[in-house]
C-alpha atoms as a PDB file:
ATOM      1  CA  MET A   1     -83.762  67.241-119.655  1.00  0.00           C
ATOM      2  CA  SER A   2     -79.399  67.342-119.562  1.00  0.00           C
ATOM      3  CA  TYR A   3     -79.968  70.686-117.895  1.00  0.00           C
ATOM      4  CA  PHE A   4     -82.134  69.326-115.199  1.00  0.00           C
ATOM      5  CA  MET A   5     -80.234  66.560-113.965  1.00  0.00           C
ATOM      6  CA  THR A   6     -77.265  68.884-113.884  1.00  0.00           C
ATOM      7  CA  MET A   7     -78.990  70.785-111.321  1.00  0.00           C
ATOM      8  CA  VAL A   8     -80.420  68.254-109.595  1.00  0.00           C
ATOM      9  CA  ARG A   9     -76.808  67.280-109.302  1.00  0.00           C
ATOM     10  CA  CYS A  10     -75.816  70.459-107.928  1.00  0.00           C
ATOM     11  CA  VAL A  11     -78.448  70.221-105.446  1.00  0.00           C
ATOM     12  CA  LEU A  12     -77.139  67.012-104.155  1.00  0.00           C
ATOM     13  CA  THR A  13     -73.672  67.751-103.743  1.00  0.00           C
ATOM     14  CA  CYS A  14     -74.370  71.187-101.957  1.00  0.00           C
ATOM     15  CA  ALA A  15     -76.720  69.032 -99.746  1.00  0.00           C
ATOM     16  CA  ALA A  16     -73.515  66.275 -99.050  1.00  0.00           C
ATOM     17  CA  VAL A  17     -71.762  69.500 -98.504  1.00  0.00           C
ATOM     18  CA  LEU A  18     -74.007  70.880 -95.850  1.00  0.00           C
ATOM     19  CA  VAL A  19     -74.434  67.665 -93.944  1.00  0.00           C
ATOM     20  CA  SER A  20     -71.048  67.317 -94.038  1.00  0.00           C
ATOM     21  CA  LEU A  21     -69.723  70.405 -92.376  1.00  0.00           C
ATOM     22  CA  THR A  22     -72.682  70.360 -89.664  1.00  0.00           C
ATOM     23  CA  THR A  23     -71.341  66.342 -88.485  1.00  0.00           C
ATOM     24  CA  ALA A  24     -67.519  67.867 -89.117  1.00  0.00           C
ATOM     25  CA  SER A  25     -66.929  68.396 -85.306  1.00  0.00           C
ATOM     26  CA  ALA A  26     -68.416  65.015 -84.268  1.00  0.00           C
ATOM     27  CA  GLN A  27     -65.653  63.391 -85.951  1.00  0.00           C
ATOM     28  CA  GLY A  28     -63.365  64.723 -83.259  1.00  0.00           C
ATOM     29  CA  ALA A  29     -60.418  62.876 -82.416  1.00  0.00           C
ATOM     30  CA  GLY A  30     -59.268  59.164 -82.703  1.00  0.00           C
ATOM     31  CA  ARG A  31     -58.216  57.307 -85.443  1.00  0.00           C
ATOM     32  CA  LEU A  32     -60.261  58.780 -87.962  1.00  0.00           C
ATOM     33  CA  GLY A  33     -60.121  62.574 -86.715  1.00  0.00           C
ATOM     34  CA  ARG A  34     -58.211  64.705 -88.961  1.00  0.00           C
ATOM     35  CA  PRO A  35     -54.317  64.084 -88.465  1.00  0.00           C
ATOM     36  CA  GLY A  36     -52.399  66.996 -87.032  1.00  0.00           C
ATOM     37  CA  PRO A  37     -52.781  69.923 -84.635  1.00  0.00           C
ATOM     38  CA  ALA A  38     -56.212  71.139 -84.173  1.00  0.00           C
ATOM     39  CA  ASP A  39     -55.343  74.654 -84.576  1.00  0.00           C
ATOM     40  CA  GLN A  40     -53.179  73.944 -87.604  1.00  0.00           C
ATOM     41  CA  PRO A  41     -54.254  72.912 -91.095  1.00  0.00           C
ATOM     42  CA  LEU A  42     -53.228  69.752 -92.318  1.00  0.00           C
ATOM     43  CA  SER A  43     -51.291  70.078 -96.053  1.00  0.00           C
ATOM     44  CA  ILE A  44     -52.152  67.937 -98.493  1.00  0.00           C
ATOM     45  CA  SER A  45     -49.660  66.989-101.179  1.00  0.00           C
ATOM     46  CA  VAL A  46     -51.649  66.969-104.917  1.00  0.00           C
ATOM     47  CA  GLY A  47     -50.559  65.660-107.759  1.00  0.00           C
ATOM     48  CA  ALA A  48     -52.547  64.604-111.210  1.00  0.00           C
ATOM     49  CA  TYR A  49     -51.958  62.726-113.988  1.00  0.00           C
ATOM     50  CA  LEU A  50     -53.758  63.554-117.409  1.00  0.00           C
ATOM     51  CA  ILE A  51     -54.099  60.423-119.355  1.00  0.00           C
ATOM     52  CA  ASP A  52     -56.527  61.166-122.035  1.00  0.00           C
ATOM     53  CA  VAL A  53     -58.925  64.081-123.554  1.00  0.00           C
ATOM     54  CA  ILE A  54     -61.721  61.871-124.910  1.00  0.00           C
ATOM     55  CA  GLU A  55     -64.020  64.896-126.073  1.00  0.00           C
ATOM     56  CA  ILE A  56     -65.112  68.448-126.339  1.00  0.00           C
ATOM     57  CA  ASP A  57     -68.376  69.122-126.849  1.00  0.00           C
ATOM     58  CA  ASP A  58     -69.372  72.641-127.807  1.00  0.00           C
ATOM     59  CA  VAL A  59     -72.961  72.207-127.414  1.00  0.00           C
ATOM     60  CA  ALA A  60     -73.472  71.192-124.553  1.00  0.00           C
ATOM     61  CA  GLY A  61     -70.299  72.637-122.690  1.00  0.00           C
ATOM     62  CA  THR A  62     -68.975  69.479-121.391  1.00  0.00           C
ATOM     63  CA  PHE A  63     -65.382  67.897-121.779  1.00  0.00           C
ATOM     64  CA  THR A  64     -64.258  64.369-121.146  1.00  0.00           C
ATOM     65  CA  VAL A  65     -61.408  63.308-119.483  1.00  0.00           C
ATOM     66  CA  ASP A  66     -59.384  59.973-118.743  1.00  0.00           C
ATOM     67  CA  PHE A  67     -56.994  60.995-115.114  1.00  0.00           C
ATOM     68  CA  LEU A  68     -55.275  60.272-112.117  1.00  0.00           C
ATOM     69  CA  VAL A  69     -55.536  62.035-109.055  1.00  0.00           C
ATOM     70  CA  ASP A  70     -52.279  61.414-106.277  1.00  0.00           C
ATOM     71  CA  LEU A  71     -52.684  62.352-102.718  1.00  0.00           C
ATOM     72  CA  ARG A  72     -50.407  62.286-100.183  1.00  0.00           C
ATOM     73  CA  TRP A  73     -50.510  63.357 -96.133  1.00  0.00           C
ATOM     74  CA  LYS A  74     -48.870  62.553 -92.583  1.00  0.00           C
ATOM     75  CA  ASP A  75     -51.451  61.219 -89.934  1.00  0.00           C
ATOM     76  CA  PRO A  76     -48.773  60.295 -86.302  1.00  0.00           C
ATOM     77  CA  LYS A  77     -51.519  58.243 -85.712  1.00  0.00           C
ATOM     78  CA  LEU A  78     -50.349  55.624 -88.478  1.00  0.00           C
ATOM     79  CA  VAL A  79     -46.606  56.224 -86.962  1.00  0.00           C
ATOM     80  CA  ASP A  80     -45.064  52.275 -86.758  1.00  0.00           C
ATOM     81  CA  PRO A  81     -41.440  51.719 -87.089  1.00  0.00           C
ATOM     82  CA  SER A  82     -42.411  48.176 -86.481  1.00  0.00           C
ATOM     83  CA  SER A  83     -43.070  48.249 -89.715  1.00  0.00           C
ATOM     84  CA  ALA A  84     -40.806  47.298 -92.299  1.00  0.00           C
ATOM     85  CA  ALA A  85     -43.178  48.039 -95.049  1.00  0.00           C
ATOM     86  CA  GLN A  86     -45.972  50.143 -96.815  1.00  0.00           C
ATOM     87  CA  ARG A  87     -49.179  48.493 -95.271  1.00  0.00           C
ATOM     88  CA  ARG A  88     -52.447  48.636 -96.720  1.00  0.00           C
ATOM     89  CA  LEU A  89     -55.142  50.078 -95.400  1.00  0.00           C
ATOM     90  CA  ALA A  90     -59.265  50.635 -96.260  1.00  0.00           C
ATOM     91  CA  LEU A  91     -60.932  54.070 -96.383  1.00  0.00           C
ATOM     92  CA  ASP A  92     -62.642  52.675 -93.506  1.00  0.00           C
ATOM     93  CA  GLN A  93     -59.597  52.178 -91.116  1.00  0.00           C
ATOM     94  CA  ALA A  94     -58.237  55.504 -91.276  1.00  0.00           C
ATOM     95  CA  TRP A  95     -58.792  59.262 -91.774  1.00  0.00           C
ATOM     96  CA  HIS A  96     -58.781  60.225 -95.700  1.00  0.00           C
ATOM     97  CA  PRO A  97     -59.706  63.220 -97.699  1.00  0.00           C
ATOM     98  CA  GLU A  98     -63.439  63.428 -99.224  1.00  0.00           C
ATOM     99  CA  LEU A  99     -63.059  64.157-102.722  1.00  0.00           C
ATOM    100  CA  ALA A 100     -66.117  65.831-104.559  1.00  0.00           C
ATOM    101  CA  PHE A 101     -65.836  67.404-108.324  1.00  0.00           C
ATOM    102  CA  VAL A 102     -68.080  70.553-108.023  1.00  0.00           C
ATOM    103  CA  ASN A 103     -68.621  70.320-112.178  1.00  0.00           C
ATOM    104  CA  GLU A 104     -68.985  67.058-112.897  1.00  0.00           C
ATOM    105  CA  ARG A 105     -71.535  65.444-114.805  1.00  0.00           C
ATOM    106  CA  SER A 106     -70.734  61.955-114.553  1.00  0.00           C
ATOM    107  CA  ILE A 107     -67.805  60.123-112.760  1.00  0.00           C
ATOM    108  CA  THR A 108     -65.913  56.704-112.544  1.00  0.00           C
ATOM    109  CA  PRO A 109     -63.408  55.944-110.116  1.00  0.00           C
ATOM    110  CA  LYS A 110     -61.459  53.130-111.958  1.00  0.00           C
ATOM    111  CA  LEU A 111     -59.475  51.350-109.026  1.00  0.00           C
ATOM    112  CA  GLU A 112     -59.776  49.974-106.130  1.00  0.00           C
ATOM    113  CA  PRO A 113     -59.895  52.229-102.844  1.00  0.00           C
ATOM    114  CA  TYR A 114     -57.193  51.999-100.243  1.00  0.00           C
ATOM    115  CA  LEU A 115     -54.843  53.796 -98.215  1.00  0.00           C
ATOM    116  CA  ILE A 116     -50.639  53.170 -98.297  1.00  0.00           C
ATOM    117  CA  VAL A 117     -49.066  53.773 -95.433  1.00  0.00           C
ATOM    118  CA  ASP A 118     -45.332  53.842 -95.013  1.00  0.00           C
ATOM    119  CA  SER A 119     -44.205  53.317 -91.266  1.00  0.00           C
ATOM    120  CA  ASP A 120     -43.064  57.070 -90.659  1.00  0.00           C
ATOM    121  CA  GLY A 121     -46.902  57.909 -90.567  1.00  0.00           C
ATOM    122  CA  SER A 122     -46.412  58.984 -94.546  1.00  0.00           C
ATOM    123  CA  VAL A 123     -50.252  58.533 -96.142  1.00  0.00           C
ATOM    124  CA  ARG A 124     -50.846  58.420-100.048  1.00  0.00           C
ATOM    125  CA  TYR A 125     -54.400  57.968-101.882  1.00  0.00           C
ATOM    126  CA  LEU A 126     -54.395  57.128-105.281  1.00  0.00           C
ATOM    127  CA  GLN A 127     -57.198  57.011-107.493  1.00  0.00           C
ATOM    128  CA  ARG A 128     -58.029  56.869-111.510  1.00  0.00           C
ATOM    129  CA  TYR A 129     -61.245  58.717-112.758  1.00  0.00           C
ATOM    130  CA  PHE A 130     -63.394  58.817-116.023  1.00  0.00           C
ATOM    131  CA  GLY A 131     -65.638  61.493-116.468  1.00  0.00           C
ATOM    132  CA  THR A 132     -67.708  64.317-117.646  1.00  0.00           C
ATOM    133  CA  PHE A 133     -67.455  67.763-116.680  1.00  0.00           C
ATOM    134  CA  SER A 134     -68.849  71.655-117.347  1.00  0.00           C
ATOM    135  CA  VAL A 135     -67.342  74.307-118.620  1.00  0.00           C
ATOM    136  CA  ALA A 136     -68.492  77.530-119.747  1.00  0.00           C
ATOM    137  CA  LEU A 137     -66.707  77.798-123.091  1.00  0.00           C
ATOM    138  CA  GLN A 138     -65.912  81.512-124.130  1.00  0.00           C
ATOM    139  CA  LEU A 139     -66.514  80.995-128.345  1.00  0.00           C
ATOM    140  CA  GLN A 140     -65.872  84.533-129.047  1.00  0.00           C
ATOM    141  CA  ASP A 141     -62.776  83.366-131.306  1.00  0.00           C
ATOM    142  CA  PHE A 142     -64.154  80.992-132.830  1.00  0.00           C
ATOM    143  CA  PRO A 143     -62.281  79.028-134.357  1.00  0.00           C
ATOM    144  CA  PHE A 144     -59.400  81.180-133.584  1.00  0.00           C
ATOM    145  CA  ASP A 145     -60.003  80.382-129.807  1.00  0.00           C
ATOM    146  CA  GLU A 146     -58.186  78.956-126.557  1.00  0.00           C
ATOM    147  CA  GLN A 147     -60.230  77.373-123.827  1.00  0.00           C
ATOM    148  CA  THR A 148     -59.386  76.411-119.904  1.00  0.00           C
ATOM    149  CA  LEU A 149     -61.121  72.866-118.909  1.00  0.00           C
ATOM    150  CA  SER A 150     -60.921  73.064-115.048  1.00  0.00           C
ATOM    151  CA  ILE A 151     -61.899  70.150-113.262  1.00  0.00           C
ATOM    152  CA  ASP A 152     -62.819  71.351-109.432  1.00  0.00           C
ATOM    153  CA  MET A 153     -61.857  69.132-107.075  1.00  0.00           C
ATOM    154  CA  VAL A 154     -62.769  70.640-103.485  1.00  0.00           C
ATOM    155  CA  VAL A 155     -61.833  68.349-100.530  1.00  0.00           C
ATOM    156  CA  LEU A 156     -65.343  67.785 -98.407  1.00  0.00           C
ATOM    157  CA  ARG A 157     -65.995  68.415 -94.796  1.00  0.00           C
ATOM    158  CA  TYR A 158     -63.063  70.920 -93.957  1.00  0.00           C
ATOM    159  CA  ARG A 159     -62.587  74.498 -94.660  1.00  0.00           C
ATOM    160  CA  PRO A 160     -59.677  76.334 -95.553  1.00  0.00           C
ATOM    161  CA  ASP A 161     -58.125  76.878 -92.665  1.00  0.00           C
ATOM    162  CA  GLU A 162     -58.292  73.017 -91.252  1.00  0.00           C
ATOM    163  CA  ILE A 163     -56.547  71.407 -95.098  1.00  0.00           C
ATOM    164  CA  VAL A 164     -54.612  73.533 -97.495  1.00  0.00           C
ATOM    165  CA  CYS A 165     -53.986  71.795-101.132  1.00  0.00           C
ATOM    166  CA  VAL A 166     -50.468  72.235-102.224  1.00  0.00           C
ATOM    167  CA  PRO A 167     -49.488  70.880-105.834  1.00  0.00           C
ATOM    168  CA  ASN A 168     -46.793  68.289-105.754  1.00  0.00           C
ATOM    169  CA  GLN A 169     -44.803  69.355-109.010  1.00  0.00           C
ATOM    170  CA  GLY A 170     -43.139  66.284-109.289  1.00  0.00           C
ATOM    171  CA  VAL A 171     -46.380  64.406-109.549  1.00  0.00           C
ATOM    172  CA  ILE A 172     -47.965  66.218-111.964  1.00  0.00           C
ATOM    173  CA  GLY A 173     -47.806  65.670-115.750  1.00  0.00           C
ATOM    174  CA  ARG A 174     -49.318  64.452-118.653  1.00  0.00           C
ATOM    175  CA  GLU A 175     -49.110  61.834-121.362  1.00  0.00           C
ATOM    176  CA  SER A 176     -46.605  63.111-124.172  1.00  0.00           C
ATOM    177  CA  ILE A 177     -49.053  62.195-126.991  1.00  0.00           C
ATOM    178  CA  ILE A 178     -53.253  62.364-126.451  1.00  0.00           C
ATOM    179  CA  ASP A 179     -54.800  62.198-129.801  1.00  0.00           C
ATOM    180  CA  LEU A 180     -57.597  65.042-129.530  1.00  0.00           C
ATOM    181  CA  SER A 181     -59.673  65.538-132.790  1.00  0.00           C
ATOM    182  CA  GLY A 182     -59.912  69.303-133.521  1.00  0.00           C
ATOM    183  CA  TRP A 183     -57.502  70.597-130.471  1.00  0.00           C
ATOM    184  CA  HIS A 184     -54.123  70.940-129.658  1.00  0.00           C
ATOM    185  CA  ILE A 185     -53.430  70.743-125.575  1.00  0.00           C
ATOM    186  CA  GLU A 186     -50.691  73.105-124.001  1.00  0.00           C
ATOM    187  CA  ARG A 187     -50.691  72.640-120.974  1.00  0.00           C
ATOM    188  CA  PHE A 188     -51.839  70.413-117.194  1.00  0.00           C
ATOM    189  CA  THR A 189     -51.628  72.562-114.491  1.00  0.00           C
ATOM    190  CA  VAL A 190     -53.077  72.183-110.828  1.00  0.00           C
ATOM    191  CA  THR A 191     -53.663  75.423-108.759  1.00  0.00           C
ATOM    192  CA  PRO A 192     -54.854  75.483-105.194  1.00  0.00           C
ATOM    193  CA  GLY A 193     -57.781  77.124-104.290  1.00  0.00           C
ATOM    194  CA  VAL A 194     -61.222  77.766-102.769  1.00  0.00           C
ATOM    195  CA  LYS A 195     -64.046  76.878-103.685  1.00  0.00           C
ATOM    196  CA  LYS A 196     -67.440  78.256-103.284  1.00  0.00           C
ATOM    197  CA  VAL A 197     -69.787  75.698-103.569  1.00  0.00           C
ATOM    198  CA  GLY A 198     -73.415  76.309-104.396  1.00  0.00           C
ATOM    199  CA  MET A 199     -76.280  77.361-102.656  1.00  0.00           C
ATOM    200  CA  THR A 200     -74.175  76.160 -99.012  1.00  0.00           C
ATOM    201  CA  GLY A 201     -72.163  79.525 -99.542  1.00  0.00           C
ATOM    202  CA  PHE A 202     -69.121  77.524 -97.437  1.00  0.00           C
ATOM    203  CA  ASP A 203     -65.763  77.700 -98.590  1.00  0.00           C
ATOM    204  CA  LEU A 204     -64.088  74.727 -99.316  1.00  0.00           C
ATOM    205  CA  ALA A 205     -59.956  74.337 -99.635  1.00  0.00           C
ATOM    206  CA  ALA A 206     -60.060  73.426-103.242  1.00  0.00           C
ATOM    207  CA  SER A 207     -57.316  71.956-106.275  1.00  0.00           C
ATOM    208  CA  PHE A 208     -57.864  72.862-109.779  1.00  0.00           C
ATOM    209  CA  LEU A 209     -56.953  70.585-112.388  1.00  0.00           C
ATOM    210  CA  ARG A 210     -56.700  73.004-115.764  1.00  0.00           C
ATOM    211  CA  VAL A 211     -56.112  71.813-119.612  1.00  0.00           C
ATOM    212  CA  GLU A 212     -55.116  74.838-121.562  1.00  0.00           C
ATOM    213  CA  VAL A 213     -56.364  73.602-124.873  1.00  0.00           C
ATOM    214  CA  ARG A 214     -56.381  74.996-128.422  1.00  0.00           C
ATOM    215  CA  ARG A 215     -58.197  74.581-131.238  1.00  0.00           C
ATOM    216  CA  GLU A 216     -57.021  73.252-134.455  1.00  0.00           C
ATOM    217  CA  ARG A 217     -57.908  75.892-137.028  1.00  0.00           C
ATOM    218  CA  ALA A 218     -56.925  74.834-139.972  1.00  0.00           C
ATOM    219  CA  PHE A 219     -60.335  72.222-140.789  1.00  0.00           C
ATOM    220  CA  TYR A 220     -62.269  75.839-140.609  1.00  0.00           C
ATOM    221  CA  MET A 221     -59.927  77.556-142.833  1.00  0.00           C
ATOM    222  CA  TRP A 222     -59.861  74.565-145.654  1.00  0.00           C
ATOM    223  CA  LYS A 223     -63.440  72.920-145.651  1.00  0.00           C
ATOM    224  CA  ILE A 224     -65.504  77.001-144.788  1.00  0.00           C
ATOM    225  CA  VAL A 225     -63.286  80.215-144.892  1.00  0.00           C
ATOM    226  CA  PHE A 226     -61.944  79.178-148.349  1.00  0.00           C
ATOM    227  CA  PRO A 227     -65.035  77.914-150.163  1.00  0.00           C
ATOM    228  CA  LEU A 228     -66.736  80.730-148.736  1.00  0.00           C
ATOM    229  CA  VAL A 229     -64.002  83.046-150.673  1.00  0.00           C
ATOM    230  CA  LEU A 230     -64.587  81.404-153.897  1.00  0.00           C
ATOM    231  CA  ILE A 231     -68.381  82.105-153.602  1.00  0.00           C
ATOM    232  CA  VAL A 232     -67.696  85.222-153.156  1.00  0.00           C
ATOM    233  CA  PHE A 233     -65.396  85.899-155.839  1.00  0.00           C
ATOM    234  CA  MET A 234     -67.418  84.000-158.091  1.00  0.00           C
ATOM    235  CA  ALA A 235     -70.163  86.585-156.948  1.00  0.00           C
ATOM    236  CA  ALA A 236     -67.822  89.428-158.125  1.00  0.00           C
ATOM    237  CA  ALA A 237     -67.763  88.053-161.720  1.00  0.00           C
ATOM    238  CA  VAL A 238     -71.323  89.970-162.482  1.00  0.00           C
ATOM    239  CA  PHE A 239     -69.036  93.741-162.060  1.00  0.00           C
ATOM    240  CA  TRP A 240     -66.871  92.406-165.268  1.00  0.00           C
ATOM    241  CA  ILE A 241     -69.771  90.965-167.624  1.00  0.00           C
ATOM    242  CA  PRO A 242     -71.443  93.796-169.866  1.00  0.00           C
ATOM    243  CA  PRO A 243     -74.283  94.739-168.443  1.00  0.00           C
ATOM    244  CA  THR A 244     -75.980  93.840-172.111  1.00  0.00           C
ATOM    245  CA  LEU A 245     -75.908  90.452-170.962  1.00  0.00           C
ATOM    246  CA  ILE A 246     -78.637  90.584-168.969  1.00  0.00           C
ATOM    247  CA  PRO A 247     -79.020  86.579-168.485  1.00  0.00           C
ATOM    248  CA  SER A 248     -75.401  86.085-167.764  1.00  0.00           C
ATOM    249  CA  GLN A 249     -75.531  88.804-165.138  1.00  0.00           C
ATOM    250  CA  ILE A 250     -78.439  87.478-163.418  1.00  0.00           C
ATOM    251  CA  GLY A 251     -77.609  83.122-164.312  1.00  0.00           C
ATOM    252  CA  ILE A 252     -73.933  84.003-162.299  1.00  0.00           C
ATOM    253  CA  ALA A 253     -75.548  86.225-159.695  1.00  0.00           C
ATOM    254  CA  THR A 254     -78.213  83.603-158.946  1.00  0.00           C
ATOM    255  CA  ALA A 255     -75.854  80.803-159.123  1.00  0.00           C
ATOM    256  CA  SER A 256     -73.591  82.191-156.351  1.00  0.00           C
ATOM    257  CA  VAL A 257     -76.773  82.831-153.999  1.00  0.00           C
ATOM    258  CA  LEU A 258     -77.982  79.638-154.522  1.00  0.00           C
ATOM    259  CA  THR A 259     -74.172  77.671-153.922  1.00  0.00           C
ATOM    260  CA  LEU A 260     -74.434  79.815-150.631  1.00  0.00           C
ATOM    261  CA  ILE A 261     -77.286  78.549-149.516  1.00  0.00           C
ATOM    262  CA  ALA A 262     -76.681  74.886-150.283  1.00  0.00           C
ATOM    263  CA  PHE A 263     -73.413  76.026-148.550  1.00  0.00           C
ATOM    264  CA  TYR A 264     -74.666  76.834-145.619  1.00  0.00           C
ATOM    265  CA  LEU A 265     -76.887  74.124-144.772  1.00  0.00           C
ATOM    266  CA  THR A 266     -73.877  71.815-145.275  1.00  0.00           C
ATOM    267  CA  ILE A 267     -71.365  73.835-142.540  1.00  0.00           C
ATOM    268  CA  SER A 268     -74.488  74.145-140.026  1.00  0.00           C
ATOM    269  CA  ASN A 269     -73.248  71.196-137.835  1.00  0.00           C
ATOM    270  CA  TYR A 270     -69.402  72.731-137.796  1.00  0.00           C
ATOM    271  CA  LEU A 271     -70.543  75.681-135.553  1.00  0.00           C
ATOM    272  CA  PRO A 272     -71.676  76.126-132.835  1.00  0.00           C
ATOM    273  CA  ARG A 273     -74.989  76.493-131.685  1.00  0.00           C
ATOM    274  CA  ILE A 274     -75.194  79.963-129.591  1.00  0.00           C
ATOM    275  CA  SER A 275     -76.499  83.051-128.780  1.00  0.00           C
ATOM    276  CA  TYR A 276     -73.882  85.560-129.726  1.00  0.00           C
ATOM    277  CA  LEU A 277     -71.807  85.833-132.914  1.00  0.00           C
ATOM    278  CA  THR A 278     -68.378  84.257-133.608  1.00  0.00           C
ATOM    279  CA  ARG A 279     -65.421  85.556-135.633  1.00  0.00           C
ATOM    280  CA  LEU A 280     -66.689  82.553-138.232  1.00  0.00           C
ATOM    281  CA  ASP A 281     -70.389  83.786-137.649  1.00  0.00           C
ATOM    282  CA  ILE A 282     -69.465  87.404-138.556  1.00  0.00           C
ATOM    283  CA  PHE A 283     -67.356  86.357-141.664  1.00  0.00           C
ATOM    284  CA  VAL A 284     -70.232  84.067-143.121  1.00  0.00           C
ATOM    285  CA  VAL A 285     -73.044  86.674-142.150  1.00  0.00           C
ATOM    286  CA  GLY A 286     -70.817  89.284-144.248  1.00  0.00           C
ATOM    287  CA  CYS A 287     -70.097  87.107-146.656  1.00  0.00           C
ATOM    288  CA  THR A 288     -73.711  86.360-147.484  1.00  0.00           C
ATOM    289  CA  ALA A 289     -74.341  90.179-147.221  1.00  0.00           C
ATOM    290  CA  ILE A 290     -72.025  90.949-149.804  1.00  0.00           C
ATOM    291  CA  VAL A 291     -73.064  88.220-152.451  1.00  0.00           C
ATOM    292  CA  PHE A 292     -76.724  89.353-152.621  1.00  0.00           C
ATOM    293  CA  LEU A 293     -75.096  92.900-152.936  1.00  0.00           C
ATOM    294  CA  ALA A 294     -73.479  91.058-156.456  1.00  0.00           C
ATOM    295  CA  PHE A 295     -76.729  90.069-157.109  1.00  0.00           C
ATOM    296  CA  GLY A 296     -78.381  93.242-156.498  1.00  0.00           C
ATOM    297  CA  GLN A 297     -75.944  94.964-158.165  1.00  0.00           C
ATOM    298  CA  ALA A 298     -76.782  92.313-161.147  1.00  0.00           C
ATOM    299  CA  VAL A 299     -80.554  93.301-161.346  1.00  0.00           C
ATOM    300  CA  LEU A 300     -80.029  97.173-161.084  1.00  0.00           C
ATOM    301  CA  THR A 301     -77.530  97.007-164.012  1.00  0.00           C
ATOM    302  CA  GLY A 302     -79.361  94.268-166.023  1.00  0.00           C
ATOM    303  CA  LYS A 303     -82.340  96.989-165.921  1.00  0.00           C
ATOM    304  CA  LEU A 304     -80.702  99.961-166.799  1.00  0.00           C
ATOM    305  CA  ALA A 305     -79.375  98.170-169.984  1.00  0.00           C
ATOM    306  CA  HIS A 306     -82.719  97.165-170.978  1.00  0.00           C
ATOM    307  CA  SER A 307     -83.714 100.790-170.509  1.00  0.00           C
ATOM    308  CA  LYS A 308     -81.597 101.930-172.998  1.00  0.00           C
ATOM    309  CA  ARG A 309     -79.012 103.734-170.247  1.00  0.00           C
ATOM    310  CA  VAL A 310     -75.651 101.127-170.862  1.00  0.00           C
ATOM    311  CA  GLU A 311     -73.345 103.906-170.212  1.00  0.00           C
ATOM    312  CA  LEU A 312     -74.991 104.631-166.727  1.00  0.00           C
ATOM    313  CA  ALA A 313     -74.569 100.674-165.834  1.00  0.00           C
ATOM    314  CA  GLN A 314     -71.657 100.336-166.922  1.00  0.00           C
ATOM    315  CA  LYS A 315     -70.207 103.288-164.854  1.00  0.00           C
ATOM    316  CA  ILE A 316     -71.859 101.726-162.410  1.00  0.00           C
ATOM    317  CA  ASP A 317     -70.358  98.560-162.368  1.00  0.00           C
ATOM    318  CA  ARG A 318     -66.956  99.897-162.295  1.00  0.00           C
ATOM    319  CA  ARG A 319     -67.610 101.614-159.013  1.00  0.00           C
ATOM    320  CA  THR A 320     -69.473  98.957-157.738  1.00  0.00           C
ATOM    321  CA  ARG A 321     -66.343  96.244-158.309  1.00  0.00           C
ATOM    322  CA  LEU A 322     -63.894  98.759-156.101  1.00  0.00           C
ATOM    323  CA  VAL A 323     -66.398  99.037-153.159  1.00  0.00           C
ATOM    324  CA  PHE A 324     -67.122  95.245-153.140  1.00  0.00           C
ATOM    325  CA  PHE A 325     -63.712  94.575-152.834  1.00  0.00           C
ATOM    326  CA  ALA A 326     -62.917  97.027-149.956  1.00  0.00           C
ATOM    327  CA  VAL A 327     -66.371  95.794-148.384  1.00  0.00           C
ATOM    328  CA  PHE A 328     -64.876  92.117-148.598  1.00  0.00           C
ATOM    329  CA  ALA A 329     -61.435  93.181-147.578  1.00  0.00           C
ATOM    330  CA  ALA A 330     -62.722  95.152-144.551  1.00  0.00           C
ATOM    331  CA  LEU A 331     -64.633  92.014-143.943  1.00  0.00           C
ATOM    332  CA  VAL A 332     -61.673  89.379-143.546  1.00  0.00           C
ATOM    333  CA  LEU A 333     -59.970  92.179-141.130  1.00  0.00           C
ATOM    334  CA  TYR A 334     -62.254  92.704-138.637  1.00  0.00           C
ATOM    335  CA  ALA A 335     -63.011  88.892-138.635  1.00  0.00           C
ATOM    336  CA  PHE A 336     -59.854  87.997-138.301  1.00  0.00           C
ATOM    337  CA  VAL A 337     -57.850  89.975-137.678  1.00  0.00           C
ATOM    338  CA  PHE A 338     -58.845  92.725-135.247  1.00  0.00           C
END
């Protein structure tokens, strides 16, 4: 259902862009026309301030943020030397860039919309947004992954040769302390660019508000990796139990398998539901194979001991324990290092 609604929003956004572009020429000159010479692009200074990142949803591929957008430009038509103070104008009283967020799922403006105009024609538009945006998370390195959360903001109606977005580094920043469970925020940047919008194929002037985040891996190391290592070592105990003690060998091997299954049921909610294997998935699958290897070895040596071939069973134990730990070391290196 959410996918269907996202597609509907995308189609509606593309339709709005198409209608806007086809009617742009009708705006022409006048108070509501684009400021500046027609043959030169209007420069819009773009600032942004990250107030909070509320949530990153690995399953839905979304993130929720609270942020401020600060746009500034010059409009010669609004120059008024006789005005000693700043003026407030409603949005329908002067030209302003019409913003759209291409990857938004839902967004809510929080401030009263108006323009702040100086006597020299400098115009400022300030708005605070609270919204949820889609993002294509790359989770191959989970839980050691770093992600870039992008808010794709475009100016409707105008092509890149008509509007140029310029980052205003003086008003780009973020709150020093943002408590985002499971993540650490590295940087917040604003990058100018061009965005091709959906099925329309039109290029629009854009600014990309990017939040670079790094996953806190300690939780997964202590809650998932460390218990799995203990289960693997518990299964390895069968290699040091004499093969003549068949009940003890089978009991430890069976307990390891059952513990592993119960542990999987516990951690399933912490793993992203995706179609490919992450680093943690590789480690989990590898540990499963190793534990079942120990179980199979216990059955084999128990059968040999029962058949009075104890010496062969002991020889298999000694060699298998080396193979067991070599395979486990290779698994750790492959999953978490290479």
